[in-house]
Amino acid sequence: MFYLTAAVTVALAATALNLLLTFGVIRKLRVHDAKLAGRGAVVQDATLAAGTAVPPVTATTLEGGTVSSVRSGASQLVGFFSVGCGACDERIPEFIAYQQRTGVAAFAVVVTDADDSGPYVARLSTHVDVVVERERGPLATAFGVTSFPALCLVDSAGVVVAGGNAFPELPEFVPA
């Protein structure tokens, strides 16, 4: 009988300690959440901020043409897609549809550290010029790309109008 009482006492003590520790963790998490809420969410842009001038950089397309980060006298849409990125795969049709709907000049940059860009290139190259570059390549660096997919709408003066990871972040743009 003594052993049964001791076992029950130990089990009750362990349960009480477990509950006490759980409540302590929950209390700390609430304090942590309150501190974060007071700061506001830190949002990191996918590209250069609106109003920022894009540094001039040129690149050779897969077809042998040339694209530039700044298209003198015309606005342009630039999309950055990383091979293996699920969201990038989903955004390619939206990128093509946006370009066709607005008529704005566009080119795509497929970012890869391997030689596996074929599927993305095949989907994009029938609609827009395509450049393939390694991660942190010259175009991605010029546009300040921090995450993928990255979309950037640049005006005719080379200034970012809007940028982000999704099309709702871009205005419904009609080129002049």
N, C-alpha and C. Protein backbone atom coordinates (compact mmCIF):
# COMPACT_ATOMS: atom_id res chain seq x y z
N MET A 1 0.81 -1.18 0.00
CA MET A 1 0.00 0.00 0.00
C MET A 1 0.86 1.25 0.00
N PHE A 2 1.97 1.17 0.75
CA PHE A 2 2.87 2.31 0.82
C PHE A 2 3.42 2.64 -0.56
N TYR A 3 3.75 1.60 -1.34
CA TYR A 3 4.31 1.82 -2.67
C TYR A 3 3.30 2.49 -3.60
N LEU A 4 2.05 2.10 -3.49
CA LEU A 4 1.00 2.68 -4.31
C LEU A 4 0.80 4.14 -3.96
N THR A 5 0.78 4.47 -2.71
CA THR A 5 0.61 5.84 -2.27
C THR A 5 1.81 6.68 -2.71
N ALA A 6 2.99 6.16 -2.62
CA ALA A 6 4.19 6.88 -3.03
C ALA A 6 4.18 7.12 -4.54
N ALA A 7 3.77 6.11 -5.31
CA ALA A 7 3.71 6.25 -6.76
C ALA A 7 2.68 7.30 -7.16
N VAL A 8 1.54 7.29 -6.51
CA VAL A 8 0.50 8.29 -6.82
C VAL A 8 0.99 9.68 -6.44
N THR A 9 1.67 9.81 -5.33
CA THR A 9 2.19 11.10 -4.88
C THR A 9 3.23 11.63 -5.88
N VAL A 10 4.11 10.77 -6.33
CA VAL A 10 5.13 11.18 -7.30
C VAL A 10 4.47 11.59 -8.61
N ALA A 11 3.47 10.83 -9.06
CA ALA A 11 2.77 11.16 -10.31
C ALA A 11 2.05 12.50 -10.20
N LEU A 12 1.40 12.74 -9.07
CA LEU A 12 0.71 14.02 -8.86
C LEU A 12 1.71 15.18 -8.81
N ALA A 13 2.82 14.98 -8.16
CA ALA A 13 3.84 16.02 -8.07
C ALA A 13 4.42 16.32 -9.45
N ALA A 14 4.68 15.27 -10.24
CA ALA A 14 5.21 15.47 -11.60
C ALA A 14 4.19 16.20 -12.48
N THR A 15 2.92 15.85 -12.34
CA THR A 15 1.87 16.52 -13.12
C THR A 15 1.78 17.98 -12.73
N ALA A 16 1.81 18.26 -11.45
CA ALA A 16 1.73 19.65 -10.97
C ALA A 16 2.93 20.46 -11.49
N LEU A 17 4.11 19.87 -11.42
CA LEU A 17 5.31 20.55 -11.92
C LEU A 17 5.20 20.80 -13.42
N ASN A 18 4.71 19.82 -14.17
CA ASN A 18 4.53 19.96 -15.61
C ASN A 18 3.56 21.10 -15.93
N LEU A 19 2.44 21.17 -15.21
CA LEU A 19 1.47 22.25 -15.42
C LEU A 19 2.08 23.62 -15.09
N LEU A 20 2.82 23.66 -14.00
CA LEU A 20 3.45 24.90 -13.60
C LEU A 20 4.44 25.39 -14.67
N LEU A 21 5.25 24.50 -15.19
CA LEU A 21 6.20 24.86 -16.24
C LEU A 21 5.48 25.28 -17.53
N THR A 22 4.41 24.59 -17.89
CA THR A 22 3.64 24.93 -19.09
C THR A 22 3.06 26.33 -18.97
N PHE A 23 2.47 26.64 -17.81
CA PHE A 23 1.91 27.99 -17.62
C PHE A 23 3.02 29.05 -17.69
N GLY A 24 4.19 28.72 -17.17
CA GLY A 24 5.30 29.66 -17.24
C GLY A 24 5.73 29.93 -18.68
N VAL A 25 5.78 28.89 -19.49
CA VAL A 25 6.15 29.05 -20.91
C VAL A 25 5.09 29.88 -21.64
N ILE A 26 3.82 29.58 -21.38
CA ILE A 26 2.74 30.35 -22.02
C ILE A 26 2.83 31.82 -21.63
N ARG A 27 3.08 32.09 -20.35
CA ARG A 27 3.21 33.48 -19.89
C ARG A 27 4.37 34.19 -20.60
N LYS A 28 5.50 33.52 -20.73
CA LYS A 28 6.66 34.11 -21.43
C LYS A 28 6.33 34.36 -22.90
N LEU A 29 5.63 33.44 -23.55
CA LEU A 29 5.25 33.64 -24.95
C LEU A 29 4.32 34.83 -25.11
N ARG A 30 3.40 35.02 -24.19
CA ARG A 30 2.50 36.18 -24.25
C ARG A 30 3.28 37.48 -24.11
N VAL A 31 4.23 37.51 -23.19
CA VAL A 31 5.07 38.70 -23.02
C VAL A 31 5.87 38.96 -24.29
N HIS A 32 6.42 37.91 -24.87
CA HIS A 32 7.19 38.02 -26.10
C HIS A 32 6.31 38.55 -27.24
N ASP A 33 5.09 37.99 -27.39
CA ASP A 33 4.17 38.46 -28.43
C ASP A 33 3.82 39.93 -28.24
N ALA A 34 3.61 40.35 -27.00
CA ALA A 34 3.28 41.75 -26.73
C ALA A 34 4.43 42.67 -27.12
N LYS A 35 5.64 42.24 -26.86
CA LYS A 35 6.81 43.05 -27.26
C LYS A 35 6.91 43.16 -28.77
N LEU A 36 6.70 42.04 -29.47
CA LEU A 36 6.75 42.07 -30.93
C LEU A 36 5.63 42.92 -31.52
N ALA A 37 4.45 42.85 -30.94
CA ALA A 37 3.32 43.64 -31.44
C ALA A 37 3.60 45.12 -31.26
N GLY A 38 4.28 45.49 -30.19
CA GLY A 38 4.62 46.89 -29.96
C GLY A 38 5.61 47.43 -30.97
N ARG A 39 6.45 46.59 -31.48
CA ARG A 39 7.44 47.00 -32.47
C ARG A 39 6.84 47.16 -33.86
N GLY A 40 5.82 46.42 -34.16
CA GLY A 40 5.30 46.36 -35.52
C GLY A 40 6.08 45.31 -36.28
N ALA A 41 5.47 44.77 -37.28
CA ALA A 41 6.13 43.72 -38.07
C ALA A 41 7.22 44.32 -38.93
N VAL A 42 8.32 43.63 -39.00
CA VAL A 42 9.41 44.06 -39.86
C VAL A 42 9.21 43.37 -41.21
N VAL A 43 9.01 44.17 -42.25
CA VAL A 43 8.78 43.63 -43.58
C VAL A 43 9.99 43.94 -44.44
N GLN A 44 10.54 42.93 -45.02
CA GLN A 44 11.68 43.10 -45.90
C GLN A 44 11.18 43.03 -47.33
N ASP A 45 11.46 44.08 -48.11
CA ASP A 45 11.00 44.12 -49.48
C ASP A 45 11.75 43.10 -50.33
N ALA A 46 11.06 42.60 -51.36
CA ALA A 46 11.66 41.63 -52.25
C ALA A 46 12.61 42.28 -53.24
N THR A 47 12.40 43.58 -53.51
CA THR A 47 13.23 44.33 -54.46
C THR A 47 13.50 45.71 -53.89
N LEU A 48 14.14 46.54 -54.69
CA LEU A 48 14.35 47.92 -54.28
C LEU A 48 13.02 48.58 -53.95
N ALA A 49 13.02 49.51 -53.03
CA ALA A 49 11.80 50.20 -52.63
C ALA A 49 11.32 51.14 -53.73
N ALA A 50 10.02 51.35 -53.76
CA ALA A 50 9.44 52.29 -54.73
C ALA A 50 10.11 53.65 -54.57
N GLY A 51 10.39 54.28 -55.70
CA GLY A 51 11.05 55.58 -55.69
C GLY A 51 12.57 55.51 -55.80
N THR A 52 13.12 54.30 -55.75
CA THR A 52 14.57 54.10 -55.84
C THR A 52 14.98 53.92 -57.29
N ALA A 53 16.05 54.59 -57.69
CA ALA A 53 16.58 54.43 -59.05
C ALA A 53 17.34 53.11 -59.14
N VAL A 54 17.10 52.38 -60.21
CA VAL A 54 17.79 51.11 -60.44
C VAL A 54 19.14 51.40 -61.08
N PRO A 55 20.23 50.84 -60.56
CA PRO A 55 21.53 51.03 -61.20
C PRO A 55 21.53 50.41 -62.60
N PRO A 56 22.17 51.05 -63.55
CA PRO A 56 22.18 50.49 -64.90
C PRO A 56 23.08 49.25 -65.01
N VAL A 57 22.48 48.15 -65.47
CA VAL A 57 23.18 46.89 -65.70
C VAL A 57 22.60 46.27 -66.95
N THR A 58 23.46 45.71 -67.79
CA THR A 58 22.97 45.02 -68.98
C THR A 58 23.32 43.54 -68.87
N ALA A 59 22.53 42.73 -69.59
CA ALA A 59 22.78 41.28 -69.59
C ALA A 59 22.39 40.74 -70.96
N THR A 60 22.97 39.61 -71.29
CA THR A 60 22.67 38.96 -72.55
C THR A 60 21.59 37.91 -72.34
N THR A 61 20.57 37.94 -73.19
CA THR A 61 19.48 36.97 -73.10
C THR A 61 19.93 35.65 -73.70
N LEU A 62 19.13 34.62 -73.49
CA LEU A 62 19.44 33.31 -74.05
C LEU A 62 19.41 33.32 -75.57
N GLU A 63 18.66 34.26 -76.15
CA GLU A 63 18.57 34.39 -77.61
C GLU A 63 19.71 35.23 -78.19
N GLY A 64 20.56 35.77 -77.31
CA GLY A 64 21.69 36.58 -77.77
C GLY A 64 21.41 38.07 -77.80
N GLY A 65 20.22 38.48 -77.40
CA GLY A 65 19.89 39.90 -77.32
C GLY A 65 20.42 40.51 -76.04
N THR A 66 20.10 41.77 -75.83
CA THR A 66 20.54 42.47 -74.64
C THR A 66 19.34 43.07 -73.93
N VAL A 67 19.32 42.95 -72.61
CA VAL A 67 18.34 43.63 -71.78
C VAL A 67 19.09 44.51 -70.80
N SER A 68 18.41 45.53 -70.32
CA SER A 68 19.02 46.45 -69.39
C SER A 68 18.09 46.67 -68.20
N SER A 69 18.67 46.92 -67.06
CA SER A 69 17.87 47.20 -65.87
C SER A 69 17.12 48.50 -66.03
N VAL A 70 17.60 49.37 -66.90
CA VAL A 70 16.94 50.65 -67.18
C VAL A 70 16.63 50.68 -68.66
N ARG A 71 15.37 50.80 -68.99
CA ARG A 71 14.93 50.85 -70.39
C ARG A 71 14.58 52.29 -70.71
N SER A 72 15.47 52.99 -71.31
CA SER A 72 15.30 54.42 -71.59
C SER A 72 14.04 54.67 -72.42
N GLY A 73 13.18 55.53 -71.89
CA GLY A 73 11.98 55.93 -72.61
C GLY A 73 10.82 54.97 -72.52
N ALA A 74 10.95 53.85 -71.81
CA ALA A 74 9.85 52.89 -71.71
C ALA A 74 9.87 52.23 -70.33
N SER A 75 8.70 51.95 -69.84
CA SER A 75 8.58 51.23 -68.58
C SER A 75 8.81 49.75 -68.84
N GLN A 76 9.12 49.01 -67.77
CA GLN A 76 9.30 47.58 -67.93
C GLN A 76 9.00 46.83 -66.64
N LEU A 77 8.65 45.58 -66.83
CA LEU A 77 8.41 44.66 -65.74
C LEU A 77 9.55 43.65 -65.75
N VAL A 78 10.12 43.40 -64.58
CA VAL A 78 11.20 42.43 -64.47
C VAL A 78 10.80 41.41 -63.41
N GLY A 79 10.89 40.14 -63.77
CA GLY A 79 10.58 39.07 -62.84
C GLY A 79 11.79 38.23 -62.56
N PHE A 80 12.00 37.89 -61.30
CA PHE A 80 13.11 37.04 -60.88
C PHE A 80 12.52 35.75 -60.32
N PHE A 81 12.91 34.63 -60.91
CA PHE A 81 12.39 33.33 -60.54
C PHE A 81 13.54 32.39 -60.22
N SER A 82 13.49 31.76 -59.06
CA SER A 82 14.54 30.85 -58.64
C SER A 82 14.10 29.41 -58.90
N VAL A 83 14.95 28.65 -59.56
CA VAL A 83 14.64 27.26 -59.88
C VAL A 83 14.42 26.49 -58.58
N GLY A 84 13.35 25.71 -58.53
CA GLY A 84 13.03 24.92 -57.35
C GLY A 84 12.14 25.62 -56.36
N CYS A 85 11.80 26.88 -56.61
CA CYS A 85 10.95 27.67 -55.72
C CYS A 85 9.48 27.43 -56.12
N GLY A 86 8.71 26.84 -55.22
CA GLY A 86 7.31 26.54 -55.51
C GLY A 86 6.50 27.78 -55.84
N ALA A 87 6.69 28.86 -55.09
CA ALA A 87 5.97 30.10 -55.34
C ALA A 87 6.35 30.68 -56.70
N CYS A 88 7.61 30.53 -57.09
CA CYS A 88 8.06 31.01 -58.40
C CYS A 88 7.32 30.27 -59.51
N ASP A 89 7.20 28.97 -59.33
CA ASP A 89 6.51 28.14 -60.31
C ASP A 89 5.07 28.61 -60.48
N GLU A 90 4.43 28.99 -59.39
CA GLU A 90 3.05 29.48 -59.43
C GLU A 90 2.94 30.88 -60.04
N ARG A 91 3.97 31.71 -59.89
CA ARG A 91 3.90 33.10 -60.35
C ARG A 91 4.21 33.27 -61.84
N ILE A 92 4.85 32.30 -62.46
CA ILE A 92 5.20 32.44 -63.87
C ILE A 92 3.97 32.72 -64.74
N PRO A 93 2.87 31.98 -64.62
CA PRO A 93 1.69 32.31 -65.43
C PRO A 93 1.14 33.71 -65.13
N GLU A 94 1.19 34.13 -63.87
CA GLU A 94 0.73 35.46 -63.50
C GLU A 94 1.63 36.54 -64.12
N PHE A 95 2.93 36.28 -64.13
CA PHE A 95 3.89 37.21 -64.74
C PHE A 95 3.57 37.40 -66.22
N ILE A 96 3.37 36.29 -66.91
CA ILE A 96 3.07 36.34 -68.34
C ILE A 96 1.73 37.03 -68.58
N ALA A 97 0.72 36.70 -67.78
CA ALA A 97 -0.61 37.31 -67.94
C ALA A 97 -0.56 38.81 -67.67
N TYR A 98 0.18 39.24 -66.65
CA TYR A 98 0.31 40.66 -66.33
C TYR A 98 0.95 41.40 -67.50
N GLN A 99 2.02 40.82 -68.02
CA GLN A 99 2.71 41.46 -69.15
C GLN A 99 1.78 41.57 -70.35
N GLN A 100 1.06 40.52 -70.65
CA GLN A 100 0.16 40.54 -71.81
C GLN A 100 -1.02 41.49 -71.59
N ARG A 101 -1.55 41.51 -70.38
CA ARG A 101 -2.69 42.39 -70.06
C ARG A 101 -2.32 43.87 -70.13
N THR A 102 -1.13 44.21 -69.62
CA THR A 102 -0.74 45.61 -69.56
C THR A 102 0.03 46.07 -70.79
N GLY A 103 0.68 45.13 -71.49
CA GLY A 103 1.48 45.48 -72.66
C GLY A 103 2.84 46.08 -72.31
N VAL A 104 3.18 46.14 -71.03
CA VAL A 104 4.46 46.70 -70.63
C VAL A 104 5.58 45.74 -71.07
N ALA A 105 6.70 46.32 -71.50
CA ALA A 105 7.86 45.51 -71.87
C ALA A 105 8.29 44.71 -70.64
N ALA A 106 8.79 43.50 -70.86
CA ALA A 106 9.17 42.67 -69.72
C ALA A 106 10.32 41.75 -70.08
N PHE A 107 11.07 41.37 -69.07
CA PHE A 107 12.03 40.28 -69.20
C PHE A 107 12.10 39.55 -67.88
N ALA A 108 12.52 38.30 -67.95
CA ALA A 108 12.59 37.45 -66.77
C ALA A 108 14.03 37.03 -66.52
N VAL A 109 14.37 36.91 -65.25
CA VAL A 109 15.68 36.43 -64.85
C VAL A 109 15.46 35.12 -64.09
N VAL A 110 16.02 34.05 -64.61
CA VAL A 110 15.94 32.75 -63.95
C VAL A 110 17.23 32.58 -63.17
N VAL A 111 17.09 32.46 -61.86
CA VAL A 111 18.25 32.37 -60.98
C VAL A 111 18.45 30.92 -60.58
N THR A 112 19.65 30.43 -60.80
CA THR A 112 19.96 29.03 -60.47
C THR A 112 21.45 28.90 -60.18
N ASP A 113 21.77 27.94 -59.33
CA ASP A 113 23.17 27.60 -59.07
C ASP A 113 23.54 26.30 -59.75
N ALA A 114 22.64 25.81 -60.60
CA ALA A 114 22.89 24.55 -61.32
C ALA A 114 22.45 24.74 -62.77
N ASP A 115 22.57 23.73 -63.54
CA ASP A 115 22.17 23.80 -64.95
C ASP A 115 20.79 23.19 -65.15
N ASP A 116 19.85 23.55 -64.29
CA ASP A 116 18.51 22.96 -64.35
C ASP A 116 17.42 24.00 -64.62
N SER A 117 17.74 25.03 -65.35
CA SER A 117 16.79 26.12 -65.59
C SER A 117 15.84 25.84 -66.75
N GLY A 118 16.00 24.72 -67.44
CA GLY A 118 15.23 24.38 -68.63
C GLY A 118 13.73 24.56 -68.53
N PRO A 119 13.06 23.98 -67.52
CA PRO A 119 11.60 24.13 -67.46
C PRO A 119 11.14 25.58 -67.32
N TYR A 120 11.82 26.37 -66.52
CA TYR A 120 11.44 27.78 -66.37
C TYR A 120 11.70 28.53 -67.66
N VAL A 121 12.84 28.29 -68.26
CA VAL A 121 13.19 28.96 -69.51
C VAL A 121 12.16 28.63 -70.58
N ALA A 122 11.78 27.36 -70.69
CA ALA A 122 10.81 26.95 -71.70
C ALA A 122 9.47 27.66 -71.51
N ARG A 123 9.04 27.81 -70.27
CA ARG A 123 7.75 28.46 -70.01
C ARG A 123 7.79 29.96 -70.26
N LEU A 124 8.92 30.59 -70.00
CA LEU A 124 9.02 32.05 -70.11
C LEU A 124 9.44 32.53 -71.50
N SER A 125 10.35 31.81 -72.14
CA SER A 125 10.99 32.33 -73.36
C SER A 125 10.05 32.51 -74.54
N THR A 126 8.90 31.88 -74.56
CA THR A 126 7.96 32.10 -75.66
C THR A 126 7.19 33.40 -75.49
N HIS A 127 7.34 34.06 -74.32
CA HIS A 127 6.60 35.29 -74.04
C HIS A 127 7.48 36.51 -73.82
N VAL A 128 8.62 36.30 -73.17
CA VAL A 128 9.50 37.42 -72.82
C VAL A 128 10.96 37.01 -73.01
N ASP A 129 11.84 37.99 -73.02
CA ASP A 129 13.27 37.69 -73.04
C ASP A 129 13.66 37.09 -71.70
N VAL A 130 14.61 36.16 -71.75
CA VAL A 130 15.02 35.45 -70.53
C VAL A 130 16.53 35.53 -70.38
N VAL A 131 16.95 35.83 -69.15
CA VAL A 131 18.36 35.83 -68.77
C VAL A 131 18.50 34.79 -67.66
N VAL A 132 19.55 34.00 -67.73
CA VAL A 132 19.84 33.05 -66.65
C VAL A 132 21.10 33.54 -65.96
N GLU A 133 21.03 33.65 -64.64
CA GLU A 133 22.22 34.06 -63.89
C GLU A 133 22.28 33.31 -62.57
N ARG A 134 23.45 33.27 -62.01
CA ARG A 134 23.67 32.63 -60.72
C ARG A 134 23.08 33.51 -59.63
N GLU A 135 22.90 32.91 -58.45
CA GLU A 135 22.38 33.68 -57.32
C GLU A 135 23.32 34.85 -57.03
N ARG A 136 22.73 35.97 -56.69
CA ARG A 136 23.45 37.24 -56.45
C ARG A 136 24.19 37.69 -57.71
N GLY A 137 23.58 37.42 -58.85
CA GLY A 137 24.14 37.87 -60.12
C GLY A 137 23.95 39.37 -60.29
N PRO A 138 24.44 39.93 -61.39
CA PRO A 138 24.41 41.39 -61.56
C PRO A 138 23.00 41.97 -61.61
N LEU A 139 22.05 41.32 -62.25
CA LEU A 139 20.69 41.87 -62.30
C LEU A 139 20.00 41.77 -60.93
N ALA A 140 20.11 40.61 -60.30
CA ALA A 140 19.50 40.45 -58.98
C ALA A 140 20.10 41.45 -57.98
N THR A 141 21.37 41.71 -58.10
CA THR A 141 22.03 42.68 -57.22
C THR A 141 21.55 44.10 -57.53
N ALA A 142 21.45 44.45 -58.80
CA ALA A 142 21.00 45.79 -59.18
C ALA A 142 19.59 46.07 -58.69
N PHE A 143 18.72 45.05 -58.73
CA PHE A 143 17.34 45.23 -58.30
C PHE A 143 17.15 44.98 -56.80
N GLY A 144 18.21 44.63 -56.10
CA GLY A 144 18.13 44.42 -54.65
C GLY A 144 17.25 43.24 -54.27
N VAL A 145 17.27 42.18 -55.05
CA VAL A 145 16.42 41.02 -54.81
C VAL A 145 16.83 40.32 -53.51
N THR A 146 15.84 40.14 -52.62
CA THR A 146 16.10 39.48 -51.34
C THR A 146 15.33 38.19 -51.17
N SER A 147 14.30 37.96 -52.01
CA SER A 147 13.51 36.74 -51.93
C SER A 147 12.87 36.47 -53.28
N PHE A 148 12.38 35.25 -53.45
CA PHE A 148 11.82 34.84 -54.73
C PHE A 148 10.40 34.36 -54.56
N PRO A 149 9.55 34.54 -55.55
CA PRO A 149 9.78 35.32 -56.76
C PRO A 149 9.85 36.80 -56.41
N ALA A 150 10.52 37.55 -57.22
CA ALA A 150 10.60 39.00 -57.04
C ALA A 150 10.13 39.65 -58.33
N LEU A 151 9.24 40.62 -58.19
CA LEU A 151 8.67 41.31 -59.34
C LEU A 151 8.94 42.79 -59.15
N CYS A 152 9.33 43.46 -60.22
CA CYS A 152 9.66 44.87 -60.12
C CYS A 152 9.15 45.61 -61.35
N LEU A 153 8.40 46.66 -61.13
CA LEU A 153 7.90 47.51 -62.19
C LEU A 153 8.71 48.79 -62.16
N VAL A 154 9.36 49.10 -63.28
CA VAL A 154 10.28 50.24 -63.36
C VAL A 154 9.76 51.21 -64.41
N ASP A 155 9.75 52.51 -64.09
CA ASP A 155 9.26 53.48 -65.07
C ASP A 155 10.32 53.81 -66.11
N SER A 156 9.97 54.67 -67.04
CA SER A 156 10.86 54.99 -68.17
C SER A 156 12.13 55.72 -67.75
N ALA A 157 12.14 56.29 -66.53
CA ALA A 157 13.34 56.97 -66.02
C ALA A 157 14.23 56.03 -65.22
N GLY A 158 13.83 54.75 -65.10
CA GLY A 158 14.64 53.80 -64.34
C GLY A 158 14.38 53.83 -62.86
N VAL A 159 13.21 54.33 -62.45
CA VAL A 159 12.86 54.42 -61.04
C VAL A 159 11.80 53.35 -60.74
N VAL A 160 11.96 52.65 -59.63
CA VAL A 160 11.03 51.60 -59.24
C VAL A 160 9.67 52.21 -58.92
N VAL A 161 8.64 51.72 -59.61
CA VAL A 161 7.26 52.14 -59.34
C VAL A 161 6.69 51.27 -58.23
N ALA A 162 6.93 49.96 -58.32
CA ALA A 162 6.43 49.01 -57.32
C ALA A 162 7.24 47.73 -57.42
N GLY A 163 7.27 46.99 -56.33
CA GLY A 163 7.95 45.70 -56.33
C GLY A 163 7.39 44.83 -55.23
N GLY A 164 7.63 43.55 -55.34
CA GLY A 164 7.15 42.64 -54.31
C GLY A 164 7.26 41.20 -54.75
N ASN A 165 6.59 40.33 -53.99
CA ASN A 165 6.62 38.91 -54.28
C ASN A 165 5.37 38.42 -55.00
N ALA A 166 4.35 39.28 -55.11
CA ALA A 166 3.09 38.86 -55.72
C ALA A 166 2.49 39.99 -56.54
N PHE A 167 1.60 39.63 -57.44
CA PHE A 167 1.02 40.64 -58.32
C PHE A 167 0.06 41.60 -57.64
N PRO A 168 -0.63 41.24 -56.56
CA PRO A 168 -1.43 42.26 -55.89
C PRO A 168 -0.60 43.43 -55.37
N GLU A 169 0.71 43.21 -55.24
CA GLU A 169 1.59 44.27 -54.78
C GLU A 169 1.96 45.23 -55.91
N LEU A 170 1.68 44.85 -57.17
CA LEU A 170 1.96 45.71 -58.32
C LEU A 170 0.68 46.40 -58.76
N PRO A 171 0.79 47.66 -59.16
CA PRO A 171 -0.42 48.36 -59.64
C PRO A 171 -0.86 47.82 -60.98
N GLU A 172 -2.11 47.99 -61.28
CA GLU A 172 -2.61 47.63 -62.60
C GLU A 172 -2.11 48.74 -63.52
N PHE A 173 -1.03 48.48 -64.17
CA PHE A 173 -0.23 49.48 -64.89
C PHE A 173 -0.51 49.46 -66.37
N VAL A 174 -0.73 50.64 -66.93
CA VAL A 174 -0.88 50.76 -68.37
C VAL A 174 0.20 51.72 -68.83
N PRO A 175 1.16 51.26 -69.64
CA PRO A 175 2.27 52.12 -70.06
C PRO A 175 1.79 53.30 -70.90
N ALA A 176 2.49 54.40 -70.74
CA ALA A 176 2.14 55.62 -71.50
C ALA A 176 2.55 55.50 -72.95
